[in-house]
C-alpha atoms as a PDB file:
ATOM      1  CA  TYR A   1     -27.466 206.094 -19.941  1.00  0.00           C
ATOM      2  CA  GLN A   2     -28.070 202.886 -17.722  1.00  0.00           C
ATOM      3  CA  ARG A   3     -25.373 201.395 -15.219  1.00  0.00           C
ATOM      4  CA  ARG A   4     -25.289 198.995 -12.187  1.00  0.00           C
ATOM      5  CA  VAL A   5     -25.096 200.840  -8.629  1.00  0.00           C
ATOM      6  CA  GLN A   6     -23.973 199.288  -5.762  1.00  0.00           C
ATOM      7  CA  GLY A   7     -26.114 196.055  -4.903  1.00  0.00           C
ATOM      8  CA  GLY A   8     -26.382 195.441  -8.806  1.00  0.00           C
ATOM      9  CA  ASP A   9     -29.612 197.328  -9.121  1.00  0.00           C
ATOM     10  CA  LYS A  10     -29.992 198.888 -12.833  1.00  0.00           C
ATOM     11  CA  TYR A  11     -30.246 202.665 -12.795  1.00  0.00           C
ATOM     12  CA  SER A  12     -30.016 205.348 -15.355  1.00  0.00           C
ATOM     13  CA  GLY A  13     -29.315 208.687 -15.322  1.00  0.00           C
ATOM     14  CA  PRO A  14     -26.984 210.956 -12.600  1.00  0.00           C
ATOM     15  CA  SER A  15     -25.865 208.724  -9.446  1.00  0.00           C
ATOM     16  CA  LYS A  16     -27.645 208.380  -6.481  1.00  0.00           C
ATOM     17  CA  MET A  17     -24.707 208.387  -4.135  1.00  0.00           C
ATOM     18  CA  THR A  18     -26.087 210.998  -1.868  1.00  0.00           C
ATOM     19  CA  SER A  19     -29.628 211.434  -2.637  1.00  0.00           C
ATOM     20  CA  PRO A  20     -32.496 209.737  -4.089  1.00  0.00           C
ATOM     21  CA  ARG A  21     -33.183 212.693  -6.440  1.00  0.00           C
ATOM     22  CA  ILE A  22     -29.800 214.657  -6.692  1.00  0.00           C
ATOM     23  CA  LYS A  23     -29.813 217.212  -9.670  1.00  0.00           C
ATOM     24  CA  SER A  24     -27.583 217.677 -12.558  1.00  0.00           C
ATOM     25  CA  GLU A  25     -26.674 221.160 -11.177  1.00  0.00           C
ATOM     26  CA  ASP A  26     -25.354 219.236  -7.705  1.00  0.00           C
ATOM     27  CA  ILE A  27     -23.322 216.806  -9.856  1.00  0.00           C
ATOM     28  CA  LEU A  28     -21.919 219.875 -11.737  1.00  0.00           C
ATOM     29  CA  ASN A  29     -20.483 221.903  -8.808  1.00  0.00           C
ATOM     30  CA  ASP A  30     -19.527 218.981  -7.043  1.00  0.00           C
ATOM     31  CA  GLU A  31     -16.245 217.671  -8.458  1.00  0.00           C
ATOM     32  CA  THR A  32     -16.148 214.537  -6.450  1.00  0.00           C
ATOM     33  CA  LEU A  33     -19.600 213.798  -7.628  1.00  0.00           C
ATOM     34  CA  PHE A  34     -18.600 214.842 -11.258  1.00  0.00           C
ATOM     35  CA  LYS A  35     -15.704 212.183 -11.210  1.00  0.00           C
ATOM     36  CA  LYS A  36     -18.255 209.680 -10.216  1.00  0.00           C
ATOM     37  CA  GLU A  37     -20.919 210.537 -12.654  1.00  0.00           C
ATOM     38  CA  VAL A  38     -18.078 210.153 -15.627  1.00  0.00           C
ATOM     39  CA  GLU A  39     -17.025 207.060 -14.062  1.00  0.00           C
ATOM     40  CA  LEU A  40     -20.177 205.383 -13.815  1.00  0.00           C
ATOM     41  CA  ALA A  41     -21.209 206.751 -17.171  1.00  0.00           C
ATOM     42  CA  PHE A  42     -18.516 205.540 -19.008  1.00  0.00           C
ATOM     43  CA  ASP A  43     -18.234 201.944 -17.523  1.00  0.00           C
ATOM     44  CA  ALA A  44     -22.069 201.619 -18.611  1.00  0.00           C
ATOM     45  CA  ALA A  45     -21.441 202.919 -21.907  1.00  0.00           C
ATOM     46  CA  ASP A  46     -18.311 200.940 -22.649  1.00  0.00           C
ATOM     47  CA  LYS A  47     -20.428 197.267 -22.950  1.00  0.00           C
ATOM     48  CA  ASP A  48     -17.309 195.444 -24.404  1.00  0.00           C
ATOM     49  CA  LYS A  49     -15.080 196.794 -21.471  1.00  0.00           C
ATOM     50  CA  ASN A  50     -12.123 197.947 -23.647  1.00  0.00           C
ATOM     51  CA  GLY A  51     -11.885 201.405 -22.487  1.00  0.00           C
ATOM     52  CA  TYR A  52     -13.106 203.164 -25.086  1.00  0.00           C
ATOM     53  CA  LEU A  53     -16.331 203.776 -26.474  1.00  0.00           C
ATOM     54  CA  ASP A  54     -17.165 202.781 -30.280  1.00  0.00           C
ATOM     55  CA  ARG A  55     -19.772 204.559 -32.629  1.00  0.00           C
ATOM     56  CA  VAL A  56     -22.608 201.979 -31.662  1.00  0.00           C
ATOM     57  CA  GLU A  57     -21.732 202.882 -27.912  1.00  0.00           C
ATOM     58  CA  VAL A  58     -21.781 206.335 -28.585  1.00  0.00           C
ATOM     59  CA  LYS A  59     -24.596 206.272 -30.390  1.00  0.00           C
ATOM     60  CA  ALA A  60     -26.647 204.481 -27.482  1.00  0.00           C
ATOM     61  CA  VAL A  61     -25.333 206.970 -24.817  1.00  0.00           C
ATOM     62  CA  ILE A  62     -26.391 209.999 -26.943  1.00  0.00           C
ATOM     63  CA  ASN A  63     -29.955 208.758 -27.737  1.00  0.00           C
ATOM     64  CA  LYS A  64     -30.245 207.598 -24.102  1.00  0.00           C
ATOM     65  CA  SER A  65     -28.968 211.273 -22.989  1.00  0.00           C
ATOM     66  CA  LEU A  66     -30.983 213.675 -25.204  1.00  0.00           C
ATOM     67  CA  GLU A  67     -34.273 211.399 -24.783  1.00  0.00           C
ATOM     68  CA  VAL A  68     -34.637 212.696 -21.249  1.00  0.00           C
ATOM     69  CA  VAL A  69     -34.910 216.470 -22.733  1.00  0.00           C
ATOM     70  CA  PHE A  70     -36.517 215.899 -26.236  1.00  0.00           C
ATOM     71  CA  GLY A  71     -38.152 212.296 -26.197  1.00  0.00           C
ATOM     72  CA  LYS A  72     -37.369 209.430 -27.938  1.00  0.00           C
ATOM     73  CA  ILE A  73     -35.265 210.295 -30.523  1.00  0.00           C
ATOM     74  CA  GLU A  74     -32.557 208.557 -33.294  1.00  0.00           C
ATOM     75  CA  VAL A  75     -29.256 210.135 -33.694  1.00  0.00           C
ATOM     76  CA  SER A  76     -28.183 210.400 -37.238  1.00  0.00           C
ATOM     77  CA  ASP A  77     -24.910 209.536 -38.937  1.00  0.00           C
ATOM     78  CA  ALA A  78     -24.545 213.216 -39.191  1.00  0.00           C
ATOM     79  CA  ASP A  79     -25.455 213.966 -35.684  1.00  0.00           C
ATOM     80  CA  LEU A  80     -22.487 211.301 -34.631  1.00  0.00           C
ATOM     81  CA  ASN A  81     -19.886 212.852 -37.009  1.00  0.00           C
ATOM     82  CA  GLN A  82     -20.447 216.167 -35.348  1.00  0.00           C
ATOM     83  CA  PHE A  83     -20.225 214.430 -32.250  1.00  0.00           C
ATOM     84  CA  TYR A  84     -16.700 212.720 -32.923  1.00  0.00           C
ATOM     85  CA  SER A  85     -15.687 216.346 -34.233  1.00  0.00           C
ATOM     86  CA  ARG A  86     -16.316 217.806 -31.033  1.00  0.00           C
ATOM     87  CA  TYR A  87     -15.099 215.057 -28.313  1.00  0.00           C
ATOM     88  CA  ASP A  88     -12.847 212.775 -30.294  1.00  0.00           C
ATOM     89  CA  LYS A  89      -9.660 215.126 -29.649  1.00  0.00           C
ATOM     90  CA  ASP A  90      -6.949 212.268 -31.228  1.00  0.00           C
ATOM     91  CA  GLU A  91      -9.256 211.732 -34.012  1.00  0.00           C
ATOM     92  CA  ASN A  92      -8.890 207.675 -33.413  1.00  0.00           C
ATOM     93  CA  GLN A  93     -12.923 207.053 -34.103  1.00  0.00           C
ATOM     94  CA  LYS A  94     -12.619 205.825 -30.249  1.00  0.00           C
ATOM     95  CA  ILE A  95     -14.059 207.940 -27.231  1.00  0.00           C
ATOM     96  CA  SER A  96     -11.849 207.458 -24.072  1.00  0.00           C
ATOM     97  CA  LYS A  97     -12.675 208.202 -20.687  1.00  0.00           C
ATOM     98  CA  ALA A  98     -10.961 211.823 -20.964  1.00  0.00           C
ATOM     99  CA  GLU A  99     -12.839 212.647 -24.332  1.00  0.00           C
ATOM    100  CA  PHE A 100     -16.249 211.678 -22.987  1.00  0.00           C
ATOM    101  CA  THR A 101     -15.890 213.739 -19.731  1.00  0.00           C
ATOM    102  CA  PRO A 102     -16.792 217.360 -21.525  1.00  0.00           C
ATOM    103  CA  PHE A 103     -19.621 215.082 -22.965  1.00  0.00           C
ATOM    104  CA  VAL A 104     -21.280 214.340 -19.534  1.00  0.00           C
ATOM    105  CA  GLN A 105     -20.632 217.934 -18.536  1.00  0.00           C
ATOM    106  CA  ASP A 106     -22.672 219.227 -21.832  1.00  0.00           C
ATOM    107  CA  VAL A 107     -25.466 216.760 -21.127  1.00  0.00           C
ATOM    108  CA  LEU A 108     -25.577 218.060 -17.549  1.00  0.00           C
ATOM    109  CA  LYS A 109     -25.501 221.349 -18.356  1.00  0.00           C
ATOM    110  CA  LEU A 110     -28.114 220.557 -20.861  1.00  0.00           C
ATOM    111  CA  TYR A 111     -30.317 219.208 -17.965  1.00  0.00           C
ATOM    112  CA  VAL A 112     -30.033 221.886 -16.079  1.00  0.00           C
ATOM    113  CA  ALA A 113     -30.967 224.623 -18.815  1.00  0.00           C
ATOM    114  CA  SER A 114     -33.736 222.421 -19.762  1.00  0.00           C
ATOM    115  CA  SER A 115     -35.790 222.281 -16.367  1.00  0.00           C
ATOM    116  CA  ASN A 116     -34.747 222.896 -12.801  1.00  0.00           C
ATOM    117  CA  ASN A 117     -35.669 218.776 -12.070  1.00  0.00           C
ATOM    118  CA  VAL A 118     -35.176 217.349 -15.644  1.00  0.00           C
ATOM    119  CA  THR A 119     -31.986 215.135 -14.047  1.00  0.00           C
ATOM    120  CA  ASP A 120     -33.208 211.735 -13.993  1.00  0.00           C
ATOM    121  CA  PRO A 121     -34.376 209.164 -16.990  1.00  0.00           C
ATOM    122  CA  ASP A 122     -36.978 206.652 -16.578  1.00  0.00           C
ATOM    123  CA  PRO A 123     -34.833 204.299 -14.059  1.00  0.00           C
ATOM    124  CA  ASP A 124     -36.230 201.124 -15.360  1.00  0.00           C
ATOM    125  CA  SER A 125     -35.538 202.171 -18.871  1.00  0.00           C
ATOM    126  CA  GLU A 126     -32.547 200.234 -20.967  1.00  0.00           C
ATOM    127  CA  LEU A 127     -29.938 201.509 -22.891  1.00  0.00           C
END
């Protein structure tokens, strides 16, 4: 995912609040960092700023998040349906910040499992 950090600079991946190369594991183990990460990721993904992620916004986040581990991929409609089955708890076809939180946690766990240092997507890439 891509977001603007303090100063308006573009950045993708885990936040850089405390370190230029903060690790996903550190974010998972620090509640304050994790909450900030969710907030920043959600706000960046919510392009229309309506407080929910629609299917287009979710697909972009999934593609960008998985690209870090697997390279450039395109999420299929079936994959997107599985995402909604898992995370859309109220089944309204919109992802709230509360529903997005476990996804961020799962992605960070994937980053940790795939490599000790695979935490940061290309900071110059676009979502």
